[in-house]
């Protein structure tokens, strides 16, 4: 497991912008954002390693839809 990447995503999920400043997310918000970032990272890595085609794009959309993540 890439613990540095997981830590980076967790750090990113913990903080959210609030009116020009930054604040920590509540636990439920953190978990949702952390999961969303992991899904995005998985799709990015999958797409990066595949030949460019419409089929790859459709598969990526399917993963986003399966996890309820907006593109």
PDB file of N, CA and C in Angstrom:
ATOM      1  N   UNK A   1       0.846  -1.176   0.000  1.00  0.00           N
ATOM      2  CA  UNK A   1       0.000   0.000   0.000  1.00  0.00           C
ATOM      3  C   UNK A   1       0.893   1.242   0.000  1.00  0.00           C
ATOM      4  N   UNK A   2       0.501   2.235  -0.734  1.00  0.00           N
ATOM      5  CA  UNK A   2       1.234   3.495  -0.806  1.00  0.00           C
ATOM      6  C   UNK A   2       0.782   4.389   0.353  1.00  0.00           C
ATOM      7  N   UNK A   3       1.422   4.233   1.503  1.00  0.00           N
ATOM      8  CA  UNK A   3       0.985   4.959   2.698  1.00  0.00           C
ATOM      9  C   UNK A   3       1.160   6.472   2.561  1.00  0.00           C
ATOM     10  N   UNK A   4       2.150   6.910   1.797  1.00  0.00           N
ATOM     11  CA  UNK A   4       2.325   8.352   1.584  1.00  0.00           C
ATOM     12  C   UNK A   4       1.134   8.941   0.823  1.00  0.00           C
ATOM     13  N   UNK A   5       0.673   8.225  -0.196  1.00  0.00           N
ATOM     14  CA  UNK A   5      -0.482   8.698  -0.962  1.00  0.00           C
ATOM     15  C   UNK A   5      -1.738   8.696  -0.096  1.00  0.00           C
ATOM     16  N   UNK A   6      -1.940   7.634   0.682  1.00  0.00           N
ATOM     17  CA  UNK A   6      -3.105   7.563   1.563  1.00  0.00           C
ATOM     18  C   UNK A   6      -3.070   8.721   2.567  1.00  0.00           C
ATOM     19  N   UNK A   7      -1.902   9.001   3.136  1.00  0.00           N
ATOM     20  CA  UNK A   7      -1.766  10.112   4.087  1.00  0.00           C
ATOM     21  C   UNK A   7      -2.075  11.439   3.409  1.00  0.00           C
ATOM     22  N   UNK A   8      -1.578  11.624   2.187  1.00  0.00           N
ATOM     23  CA  UNK A   8      -1.835  12.861   1.449  1.00  0.00           C
ATOM     24  C   UNK A   8      -3.329  13.037   1.204  1.00  0.00           C
ATOM     25  N   UNK A   9      -4.010  11.965   0.784  1.00  0.00           N
ATOM     26  CA  UNK A   9      -5.448  12.045   0.533  1.00  0.00           C
ATOM     27  C   UNK A   9      -6.217  12.314   1.827  1.00  0.00           C
ATOM     28  N   UNK A  10      -5.812  11.671   2.920  1.00  0.00           N
ATOM     29  CA  UNK A  10      -6.474  11.897   4.212  1.00  0.00           C
ATOM     30  C   UNK A  10      -6.295  13.348   4.657  1.00  0.00           C
ATOM     31  N   UNK A  11      -5.077  13.882   4.501  1.00  0.00           N
ATOM     32  CA  UNK A  11      -4.828  15.282   4.857  1.00  0.00           C
ATOM     33  C   UNK A  11      -5.704  16.212   4.031  1.00  0.00           C
ATOM     34  N   UNK A  12      -5.821  15.917   2.746  1.00  0.00           N
ATOM     35  CA  UNK A  12      -6.651  16.741   1.859  1.00  0.00           C
ATOM     36  C   UNK A  12      -8.122  16.647   2.251  1.00  0.00           C
ATOM     37  N   UNK A  13      -8.563  15.464   2.670  1.00  0.00           N
ATOM     38  CA  UNK A  13      -9.964  15.272   3.044  1.00  0.00           C
ATOM     39  C   UNK A  13     -10.309  15.958   4.361  1.00  0.00           C
ATOM     40  N   UNK A  14      -9.330  16.123   5.245  1.00  0.00           N
ATOM     41  CA  UNK A  14      -9.588  16.708   6.569  1.00  0.00           C
ATOM     42  C   UNK A  14      -9.882  18.203   6.522  1.00  0.00           C
ATOM     43  N   UNK A  15      -9.389  18.878   5.504  1.00  0.00           N
ATOM     44  CA  UNK A  15      -9.476  20.338   5.465  1.00  0.00           C
ATOM     45  C   UNK A  15     -10.440  20.773   4.360  1.00  0.00           C
ATOM     46  N   UNK A  16     -11.232  21.780   4.648  1.00  0.00           N
ATOM     47  CA  UNK A  16     -12.131  22.327   3.634  1.00  0.00           C
ATOM     48  C   UNK A  16     -12.096  23.849   3.692  1.00  0.00           C
ATOM     49  N   UNK A  17     -12.280  24.501   2.544  1.00  0.00           N
ATOM     50  CA  UNK A  17     -12.309  25.966   2.534  1.00  0.00           C
ATOM     51  C   UNK A  17     -13.604  26.482   3.158  1.00  0.00           C
ATOM     52  N   UNK A  18     -13.496  27.559   3.921  1.00  0.00           N
ATOM     53  CA  UNK A  18     -14.677  28.182   4.526  1.00  0.00           C
ATOM     54  C   UNK A  18     -14.522  29.692   4.471  1.00  0.00           C
ATOM     55  N   UNK A  19     -15.171  30.313   3.507  1.00  0.00           N
ATOM     56  CA  UNK A  19     -15.168  31.765   3.421  1.00  0.00           C
ATOM     57  C   UNK A  19     -13.802  32.416   3.455  1.00  0.00           C
ATOM     58  N   UNK A  20     -12.875  31.904   2.667  1.00  0.00           N
ATOM     59  CA  UNK A  20     -11.549  32.507   2.589  1.00  0.00           C
ATOM     60  C   UNK A  20     -10.557  31.947   3.586  1.00  0.00           C
ATOM     61  N   UNK A  21     -11.019  31.111   4.513  1.00  0.00           N
ATOM     62  CA  UNK A  21     -10.100  30.466   5.450  1.00  0.00           C
ATOM     63  C   UNK A  21     -10.299  28.954   5.343  1.00  0.00           C
ATOM     64  N   UNK A  22      -9.582  28.205   6.155  1.00  0.00           N
ATOM     65  CA  UNK A  22      -9.674  26.747   6.103  1.00  0.00           C
ATOM     66  C   UNK A  22     -10.145  26.214   7.446  1.00  0.00           C
ATOM     67  N   UNK A  23     -10.900  25.135   7.427  1.00  0.00           N
ATOM     68  CA  UNK A  23     -11.380  24.514   8.665  1.00  0.00           C
ATOM     69  C   UNK A  23     -11.320  22.998   8.511  1.00  0.00           C
ATOM     70  N   UNK A  24     -11.329  22.304   9.631  1.00  0.00           N
ATOM     71  CA  UNK A  24     -11.350  20.842   9.583  1.00  0.00           C
ATOM     72  C   UNK A  24     -12.763  20.348   9.348  1.00  0.00           C
ATOM     73  N   UNK A  25     -12.865  19.258   8.608  1.00  0.00           N
ATOM     74  CA  UNK A  25     -14.166  18.642   8.357  1.00  0.00           C
ATOM     75  C   UNK A  25     -14.616  17.868   9.583  1.00  0.00           C
ATOM     76  N   UNK A  26     -15.926  17.726   9.721  1.00  0.00           N
ATOM     77  CA  UNK A  26     -16.476  16.839  10.734  1.00  0.00           C
ATOM     78  C   UNK A  26     -16.232  15.399  10.297  1.00  0.00           C
ATOM     79  N   UNK A  27     -16.348  14.460  11.193  1.00  0.00           N
ATOM     80  CA  UNK A  27     -16.033  13.060  10.910  1.00  0.00           C
ATOM     81  C   UNK A  27     -16.788  12.518   9.697  1.00  0.00           C
ATOM     82  N   UNK A  28     -18.099  12.745   9.636  1.00  0.00           N
ATOM     83  CA  UNK A  28     -18.884  12.230   8.508  1.00  0.00           C
ATOM     84  C   UNK A  28     -18.441  12.869   7.192  1.00  0.00           C
ATOM     85  N   UNK A  29     -18.194  14.173   7.215  1.00  0.00           N
ATOM     86  CA  UNK A  29     -17.724  14.863   6.011  1.00  0.00           C
ATOM     87  C   UNK A  29     -16.361  14.336   5.594  1.00  0.00           C
ATOM     88  N   UNK A  30     -15.479  14.117   6.585  1.00  0.00           N
ATOM     89  CA  UNK A  30     -14.152  13.599   6.292  1.00  0.00           C
ATOM     90  C   UNK A  30     -14.242  12.246   5.599  1.00  0.00           C
ATOM     91  N   UNK A  31     -15.025  11.333   6.158  1.00  0.00           N
ATOM     92  CA  UNK A  31     -15.126   9.988   5.599  1.00  0.00           C
ATOM     93  C   UNK A  31     -15.643  10.023   4.168  1.00  0.00           C
ATOM     94  N   UNK A  32     -16.650  10.863   3.906  1.00  0.00           N
ATOM     95  CA  UNK A  32     -17.199  10.963   2.558  1.00  0.00           C
ATOM     96  C   UNK A  32     -16.164  11.538   1.590  1.00  0.00           C
ATOM     97  N   UNK A  33     -15.482  12.605   1.987  1.00  0.00           N
ATOM     98  CA  UNK A  33     -14.488  13.230   1.117  1.00  0.00           C
ATOM     99  C   UNK A  33     -13.295  12.298   0.898  1.00  0.00           C
ATOM    100  N   UNK A  34     -12.848  11.613   1.936  1.00  0.00           N
ATOM    101  CA  UNK A  34     -11.726  10.680   1.831  1.00  0.00           C
ATOM    102  C   UNK A  34     -12.054   9.571   0.845  1.00  0.00           C
ATOM    103  N   UNK A  35     -13.247   8.994   0.953  1.00  0.00           N
ATOM    104  CA  UNK A  35     -13.665   7.938   0.031  1.00  0.00           C
ATOM    105  C   UNK A  35     -13.730   8.469  -1.399  1.00  0.00           C
ATOM    106  N   UNK A  36     -14.260   9.686  -1.570  1.00  0.00           N
ATOM    107  CA  UNK A  36     -14.344  10.295  -2.902  1.00  0.00           C
ATOM    108  C   UNK A  36     -12.954  10.475  -3.503  1.00  0.00           C
ATOM    109  N   UNK A  37     -12.008  10.941  -2.712  1.00  0.00           N
ATOM    110  CA  UNK A  37     -10.643  11.137  -3.209  1.00  0.00           C
ATOM    111  C   UNK A  37      -9.991   9.812  -3.597  1.00  0.00           C
ATOM    112  N   UNK A  38     -10.262   8.757  -2.846  1.00  0.00           N
ATOM    113  CA  UNK A  38      -9.717   7.443  -3.194  1.00  0.00           C
ATOM    114  C   UNK A  38     -10.301   6.958  -4.510  1.00  0.00           C
ATOM    115  N   UNK A  39     -11.607   7.130  -4.708  1.00  0.00           N
ATOM    116  CA  UNK A  39     -12.231   6.731  -5.975  1.00  0.00           C
ATOM    117  C   UNK A  39     -11.608   7.509  -7.133  1.00  0.00           C
ATOM    118  N   UNK A  40     -11.450   8.830  -6.962  1.00  0.00           N
ATOM    119  CA  UNK A  40     -10.836   9.642  -8.012  1.00  0.00           C
ATOM    120  C   UNK A  40      -9.429   9.150  -8.331  1.00  0.00           C
ATOM    121  N   UNK A  41      -8.652   8.852  -7.304  1.00  0.00           N
ATOM    122  CA  UNK A  41      -7.278   8.396  -7.507  1.00  0.00           C
ATOM    123  C   UNK A  41      -7.252   7.060  -8.245  1.00  0.00           C
ATOM    124  N   UNK A  42      -8.156   6.157  -7.885  1.00  0.00           N
ATOM    125  CA  UNK A  42      -8.232   4.854  -8.564  1.00  0.00           C
ATOM    126  C   UNK A  42      -8.575   5.021 -10.036  1.00  0.00           C
ATOM    127  N   UNK A  43      -9.560   5.843 -10.327  1.00  0.00           N
ATOM    128  CA  UNK A  43      -9.953   6.059 -11.724  1.00  0.00           C
ATOM    129  C   UNK A  43      -8.823   6.718 -12.500  1.00  0.00           C
ATOM    130  N   UNK A  44      -8.167   7.731 -11.907  1.00  0.00           N
ATOM    131  CA  UNK A  44      -7.035   8.380 -12.590  1.00  0.00           C
ATOM    132  C   UNK A  44      -5.955   7.368 -12.944  1.00  0.00           C
ATOM    133  N   UNK A  45      -5.617   6.517 -11.992  1.00  0.00           N
ATOM    134  CA  UNK A  45      -4.566   5.524 -12.222  1.00  0.00           C
ATOM    135  C   UNK A  45      -4.992   4.513 -13.279  1.00  0.00           C
ATOM    136  N   UNK A  46      -6.237   4.068 -13.214  1.00  0.00           N
ATOM    137  CA  UNK A  46      -6.758   3.117 -14.194  1.00  0.00           C
ATOM    138  C   UNK A  46      -6.715   3.722 -15.602  1.00  0.00           C
ATOM    139  N   UNK A  47      -7.226   4.932 -15.745  1.00  0.00           N
ATOM    140  CA  UNK A  47      -7.284   5.582 -17.059  1.00  0.00           C
ATOM    141  C   UNK A  47      -5.876   5.854 -17.577  1.00  0.00           C
ATOM    142  N   UNK A  48      -4.975   6.256 -16.690  1.00  0.00           N
ATOM    143  CA  UNK A  48      -3.599   6.564 -17.101  1.00  0.00           C
ATOM    144  C   UNK A  48      -2.906   5.352 -17.714  1.00  0.00           C
ATOM    145  N   UNK A  49      -3.247   4.160 -17.258  1.00  0.00           N
ATOM    146  CA  UNK A  49      -2.567   2.954 -17.715  1.00  0.00           C
ATOM    147  C   UNK A  49      -3.266   2.262 -18.884  1.00  0.00           C
ATOM    148  N   UNK A  50      -4.350   2.815 -19.371  1.00  0.00           N
ATOM    149  CA  UNK A  50      -5.100   2.194 -20.456  1.00  0.00           C
ATOM    150  C   UNK A  50      -4.905   2.973 -21.763  1.00  0.00           C
ATOM    151  N   UNK A  51      -5.005   2.260 -22.890  1.00  0.00           N
ATOM    152  CA  UNK A  51      -5.003   2.988 -24.169  1.00  0.00           C
ATOM    153  C   UNK A  51      -6.228   3.902 -24.223  1.00  0.00           C
ATOM    154  N   UNK A  52      -6.058   5.046 -24.840  1.00  0.00           N
ATOM    155  CA  UNK A  52      -7.170   5.995 -24.926  1.00  0.00           C
ATOM    156  C   UNK A  52      -8.264   5.418 -25.819  1.00  0.00           C
ATOM    157  N   UNK A  53      -9.449   5.350 -25.273  1.00  0.00           N
ATOM    158  CA  UNK A  53     -10.600   4.884 -26.046  1.00  0.00           C
ATOM    159  C   UNK A  53     -11.871   5.309 -25.344  1.00  0.00           C
ATOM    160  N   UNK A  54     -12.958   5.270 -26.074  1.00  0.00           N
ATOM    161  CA  UNK A  54     -14.265   5.589 -25.499  1.00  0.00           C
ATOM    162  C   UNK A  54     -14.609   4.566 -24.424  1.00  0.00           C
ATOM    163  N   UNK A  55     -14.221   3.320 -24.620  1.00  0.00           N
ATOM    164  CA  UNK A  55     -14.521   2.262 -23.669  1.00  0.00           C
ATOM    165  C   UNK A  55     -13.912   2.557 -22.296  1.00  0.00           C
ATOM    166  N   UNK A  56     -12.700   3.064 -22.268  1.00  0.00           N
ATOM    167  CA  UNK A  56     -12.054   3.415 -20.995  1.00  0.00           C
ATOM    168  C   UNK A  56     -12.854   4.513 -20.308  1.00  0.00           C
ATOM    169  N   UNK A  57     -13.261   5.513 -21.065  1.00  0.00           N
ATOM    170  CA  UNK A  57     -14.050   6.599 -20.514  1.00  0.00           C
ATOM    171  C   UNK A  57     -15.369   6.077 -19.936  1.00  0.00           C
ATOM    172  N   UNK A  58     -16.016   5.163 -20.644  1.00  0.00           N
ATOM    173  CA  UNK A  58     -17.265   4.583 -20.155  1.00  0.00           C
ATOM    174  C   UNK A  58     -17.042   3.797 -18.870  1.00  0.00           C
ATOM    175  N   UNK A  59     -15.934   3.067 -18.788  1.00  0.00           N
ATOM    176  CA  UNK A  59     -15.631   2.312 -17.565  1.00  0.00           C
ATOM    177  C   UNK A  59     -15.389   3.262 -16.393  1.00  0.00           C
ATOM    178  N   UNK A  60     -14.672   4.349 -16.656  1.00  0.00           N
ATOM    179  CA  UNK A  60     -14.420   5.333 -15.599  1.00  0.00           C
ATOM    180  C   UNK A  60     -15.745   5.915 -15.107  1.00  0.00           C
ATOM    181  N   UNK A  61     -16.634   6.254 -16.014  1.00  0.00           N
ATOM    182  CA  UNK A  61     -17.950   6.781 -15.624  1.00  0.00           C
ATOM    183  C   UNK A  61     -18.729   5.762 -14.795  1.00  0.00           C
ATOM    184  N   UNK A  62     -18.611   4.495 -15.169  1.00  0.00           N
ATOM    185  CA  UNK A  62     -19.295   3.439 -14.426  1.00  0.00           C
ATOM    186  C   UNK A  62     -18.787   3.384 -12.981  1.00  0.00           C
ATOM    187  N   UNK A  63     -17.484   3.509 -12.791  1.00  0.00           N
ATOM    188  CA  UNK A  63     -16.923   3.477 -11.435  1.00  0.00           C
ATOM    189  C   UNK A  63     -17.427   4.682 -10.627  1.00  0.00           C
ATOM    190  N   UNK A  64     -17.391   5.873 -11.238  1.00  0.00           N
ATOM    191  CA  UNK A  64     -17.909   7.060 -10.540  1.00  0.00           C
ATOM    192  C   UNK A  64     -19.369   6.854 -10.146  1.00  0.00           C
ATOM    193  N   UNK A  65     -20.173   6.356 -11.079  1.00  0.00           N
ATOM    194  CA  UNK A  65     -21.593   6.161 -10.814  1.00  0.00           C
ATOM    195  C   UNK A  65     -21.793   5.102  -9.717  1.00  0.00           C
ATOM    196  N   UNK A  66     -21.019   4.027  -9.776  1.00  0.00           N
ATOM    197  CA  UNK A  66     -21.145   2.954  -8.784  1.00  0.00           C
ATOM    198  C   UNK A  66     -20.914   3.486  -7.366  1.00  0.00           C
ATOM    199  N   UNK A  67     -19.937   4.377  -7.204  1.00  0.00           N
ATOM    200  CA  UNK A  67     -19.622   4.903  -5.885  1.00  0.00           C
ATOM    201  C   UNK A  67     -20.358   6.221  -5.581  1.00  0.00           C
ATOM    202  N   UNK A  68     -21.156   6.701  -6.538  1.00  0.00           N
ATOM    203  CA  UNK A  68     -21.915   7.930  -6.317  1.00  0.00           C
ATOM    204  C   UNK A  68     -21.046   9.173  -6.270  1.00  0.00           C
ATOM    205  N   UNK A  69     -19.964   9.162  -7.048  1.00  0.00           N
ATOM    206  CA  UNK A  69     -19.037  10.299  -7.105  1.00  0.00           C
ATOM    207  C   UNK A  69     -19.299  11.061  -8.395  1.00  0.00           C
ATOM    208  N   UNK A  70     -19.439  12.382  -8.276  1.00  0.00           N
ATOM    209  CA  UNK A  70     -19.649  13.186  -9.479  1.00  0.00           C
ATOM    210  C   UNK A  70     -18.338  13.362 -10.220  1.00  0.00           C
ATOM    211  N   UNK A  71     -18.417  13.323 -11.543  1.00  0.00           N
ATOM    212  CA  UNK A  71     -17.208  13.467 -12.373  1.00  0.00           C
ATOM    213  C   UNK A  71     -16.704  14.887 -12.352  1.00  0.00           C
TER     214      UNK A  71
END
